[in-house]
Amino acid sequence: MKSTNEYLIPFVGLKLGKHQFEFKIERTFFDAFSFDEYVSCDIAVEVVLDKKTTLLEINFKHKGTVNVPCDLTGELFDLPIKGKIRLVVQFGDTFNNDNDELLILPHGEFQIDLSQYIYEMIVLSVPQKRIHPGVKDGTLQNGTLEKLKELEVKAVKEEKKEEIDPRWDKLKQLLTDK
């Protein structure tokens, strides 16, 4: 992943308090991560950085659509997504990003790259199973759906219950009479 200056936030020059940043995420953003599951996307990301004396609190929020193929029909559709995450940035001796909600930066750092967090937030907000809304409500007419309905397993007719030999009933009573 190539680091771009667009998502680098220099926090050293900022005053204490809240600062808001907005980003528009499109397909080229995911190309930098070599991620090609989305045909296109239009996502608005809002970042609120709250600078305090000893740490930074960063709240990410996104809302938009990604154009993906349906898992059942293969038809492309716009899937609405939204989500939010929170990140606390503290300062220490060495860089540490082992925890999802806590980032430790070395004392000499003066900027933070938000691109990885934006990428993870968006990718994790897209459901694993993507179904076209027309499939759910029955309005989508597609050859794939017609073929699936044609090959659907029909309800199995109930078989007539065979009469149980009365000798078995006597044997079962032996087990329950104890």
Protein backbone atom coordinates (compact mmCIF):
# COMPACT_ATOMS: atom_id res chain seq x y z
CA MET A 1 0.00 0.00 0.00
CA LYS A 2 1.37 3.34 -1.04
CA SER A 3 0.97 6.06 1.56
CA THR A 4 -0.69 9.17 0.20
CA ASN A 5 -0.47 12.60 1.74
CA GLU A 6 -4.25 13.03 1.50
CA TYR A 7 -4.85 10.84 4.58
CA LEU A 8 -1.90 12.10 6.65
CA ILE A 9 -3.05 14.35 9.49
CA PRO A 10 -0.32 16.51 11.07
CA PHE A 11 -1.55 16.80 14.64
CA VAL A 12 1.38 18.79 16.05
CA GLY A 13 0.16 22.14 14.70
CA LEU A 14 -3.43 21.61 15.84
CA LYS A 15 -4.85 23.33 18.90
CA LEU A 16 -6.39 21.37 21.74
CA GLY A 17 -9.99 20.42 21.04
CA LYS A 18 -11.99 18.86 18.23
CA HIS A 19 -11.03 19.04 14.57
CA GLN A 20 -13.14 17.66 11.75
CA PHE A 21 -11.90 16.17 8.47
CA GLU A 22 -13.93 14.83 5.56
CA PHE A 23 -12.84 12.41 2.87
CA LYS A 24 -14.56 11.14 -0.26
CA ILE A 25 -13.63 7.53 -0.95
CA GLU A 26 -13.77 6.20 -4.50
CA ARG A 27 -12.47 3.14 -6.35
CA THR A 28 -8.93 4.54 -6.64
CA PHE A 29 -8.58 4.43 -2.84
CA PHE A 30 -8.98 0.63 -2.88
CA ASP A 31 -6.59 0.27 -5.83
CA ALA A 32 -3.80 1.49 -3.54
CA PHE A 33 -4.56 -1.51 -1.27
CA SER A 34 -4.80 -3.93 -4.25
CA PHE A 35 -8.40 -4.63 -3.25
CA ASP A 36 -10.68 -5.24 -6.22
CA GLU A 37 -13.95 -6.62 -4.81
CA TYR A 38 -15.84 -3.39 -5.47
CA VAL A 39 -16.66 -2.33 -9.02
CA SER A 40 -17.18 1.25 -7.87
CA CYS A 41 -17.92 3.08 -4.65
CA ASP A 42 -19.09 6.42 -3.36
CA ILE A 43 -18.45 6.78 0.36
CA ALA A 44 -18.25 9.87 2.56
CA VAL A 45 -15.97 9.51 5.58
CA GLU A 46 -16.10 11.94 8.48
CA VAL A 47 -13.21 11.99 10.95
CA VAL A 48 -13.34 13.90 14.22
CA LEU A 49 -9.96 14.25 15.91
CA ASP A 50 -10.14 15.34 19.54
CA LYS A 51 -6.70 16.52 20.60
CA LYS A 52 -6.01 16.40 24.31
CA THR A 53 -2.80 17.12 26.20
CA THR A 54 -1.57 13.51 26.43
CA LEU A 55 -3.54 11.64 23.75
CA LEU A 56 -5.70 11.85 20.65
CA GLU A 57 -9.21 10.46 20.27
CA ILE A 58 -10.23 9.82 16.67
CA ASN A 59 -13.81 8.95 15.70
CA PHE A 60 -14.42 7.66 12.18
CA LYS A 61 -17.87 7.55 10.60
CA HIS A 62 -18.76 6.56 7.04
CA LYS A 63 -21.85 6.27 4.88
CA GLY A 64 -22.26 5.51 1.20
CA THR A 65 -22.62 2.75 -1.38
CA VAL A 66 -20.39 0.13 -2.94
CA ASN A 67 -21.21 -1.47 -6.28
CA VAL A 68 -20.80 -5.24 -5.88
CA PRO A 69 -22.05 -8.38 -7.64
CA CYS A 70 -24.91 -10.32 -6.06
CA ASP A 71 -23.79 -13.67 -4.62
CA LEU A 72 -26.87 -15.44 -6.04
CA THR A 73 -27.33 -13.89 -9.47
CA GLY A 74 -24.01 -12.21 -10.25
CA GLU A 75 -25.89 -9.01 -11.09
CA LEU A 76 -24.23 -5.74 -10.02
CA PHE A 77 -26.03 -3.52 -7.53
CA ASP A 78 -25.34 -0.62 -5.18
CA LEU A 79 -25.10 -1.87 -1.60
CA PRO A 80 -25.63 0.85 1.03
CA ILE A 81 -23.12 0.71 3.89
CA LYS A 82 -22.44 2.70 7.03
CA GLY A 83 -20.35 2.30 10.14
CA LYS A 84 -18.12 3.89 12.70
CA ILE A 85 -15.03 3.12 14.75
CA ARG A 86 -13.12 4.83 17.54
CA LEU A 87 -9.36 5.01 17.90
CA VAL A 88 -7.31 6.28 20.83
CA VAL A 89 -3.75 7.39 20.06
CA GLN A 90 -1.26 7.52 22.91
CA PHE A 91 2.43 8.29 22.88
CA GLY A 92 5.12 5.90 24.06
CA ASP A 93 8.64 4.70 23.39
CA THR A 94 7.88 2.46 20.39
CA PHE A 95 5.21 2.13 17.71
CA ASN A 96 2.50 -0.42 18.60
CA ASN A 97 -0.74 -1.11 16.74
CA ASP A 98 -1.51 -4.57 18.17
CA ASN A 99 -4.80 -3.40 19.65
CA ASP A 100 -7.65 -2.42 17.28
CA GLU A 101 -8.78 0.52 19.40
CA LEU A 102 -5.42 1.75 20.71
CA LEU A 103 -2.47 3.01 18.72
CA ILE A 104 0.82 3.90 20.39
CA LEU A 105 3.03 6.31 18.46
CA PRO A 106 6.64 7.18 19.33
CA HIS A 107 7.10 10.52 21.11
CA GLY A 108 8.75 12.18 18.07
CA GLU A 109 5.81 11.57 15.68
CA PHE A 110 4.02 14.61 14.33
CA GLN A 111 1.43 13.08 11.96
CA ILE A 112 -0.85 10.06 11.67
CA ASP A 113 -1.85 8.11 8.54
CA LEU A 114 -5.59 7.37 8.63
CA SER A 115 -5.81 5.42 5.35
CA GLN A 116 -5.44 1.94 6.89
CA TYR A 117 -8.18 2.63 9.45
CA ILE A 118 -10.54 4.01 6.81
CA TYR A 119 -9.88 0.98 4.61
CA GLU A 120 -10.55 -1.52 7.41
CA MET A 121 -13.67 0.30 8.58
CA ILE A 122 -15.24 0.24 5.10
CA VAL A 123 -14.28 -3.34 4.23
CA LEU A 124 -15.58 -4.66 7.55
CA SER A 125 -18.92 -2.85 7.15
CA VAL A 126 -19.75 -4.73 3.92
CA PRO A 127 -21.62 -7.98 4.69
CA GLN A 128 -20.06 -11.26 3.61
CA LYS A 129 -23.21 -12.40 1.83
CA ARG A 130 -24.37 -9.78 -0.64
CA ILE A 131 -27.86 -10.30 -2.02
CA HIS A 132 -29.54 -7.98 -4.51
CA PRO A 133 -32.55 -6.24 -2.93
CA GLY A 134 -34.66 -7.36 -5.91
CA VAL A 135 -34.03 -10.99 -4.95
CA LYS A 136 -35.27 -10.40 -1.41
CA ASP A 137 -38.53 -8.71 -2.42
CA GLY A 138 -39.08 -10.76 -5.60
CA THR A 139 -38.95 -7.90 -8.10
CA LEU A 140 -35.73 -8.93 -9.87
CA GLN A 141 -36.34 -10.95 -13.04
CA ASN A 142 -33.21 -12.81 -14.00
CA GLY A 143 -32.42 -16.01 -15.89
CA THR A 144 -30.29 -17.24 -12.99
CA LEU A 145 -33.17 -16.92 -10.53
CA GLU A 146 -35.54 -18.72 -12.90
CA LYS A 147 -33.07 -21.59 -13.24
CA LEU A 148 -32.67 -21.77 -9.44
CA LYS A 149 -36.45 -21.98 -9.02
CA GLU A 150 -36.61 -24.68 -11.69
CA LEU A 151 -33.96 -26.79 -9.96
CA GLU A 152 -35.39 -26.22 -6.48
CA VAL A 153 -36.09 -29.34 -4.47
CA LYS A 154 -39.81 -29.92 -4.33
CA ALA A 155 -41.46 -30.72 -1.01
CA VAL A 156 -41.27 -34.41 -0.24
CA LYS A 157 -44.67 -36.02 0.20
CA GLU A 158 -45.21 -37.56 3.59
CA GLU A 159 -44.88 -41.28 3.50
CA LYS A 160 -47.67 -43.27 5.01
CA LYS A 161 -46.82 -44.35 8.47
CA GLU A 162 -46.41 -48.05 8.57
CA GLU A 163 -48.33 -49.80 11.23
CA ILE A 164 -46.07 -50.78 14.07
CA ASP A 165 -46.09 -54.41 14.99
CA PRO A 166 -47.84 -54.73 18.39
CA ARG A 167 -45.03 -56.99 19.63
CA TRP A 168 -42.70 -53.96 19.60
CA ASP A 169 -45.07 -52.09 21.89
CA LYS A 170 -44.80 -54.92 24.44
CA LEU A 171 -41.00 -54.75 24.23
CA LYS A 172 -41.00 -50.98 24.73
CA GLN A 173 -43.11 -51.44 27.86
CA LEU A 174 -40.37 -53.61 29.31
CA LEU A 175 -37.97 -50.66 29.09
CA THR A 176 -40.38 -48.22 30.73
CA ASP A 177 -41.74 -50.51 33.42
CA LYS A 178 -38.52 -50.60 35.44
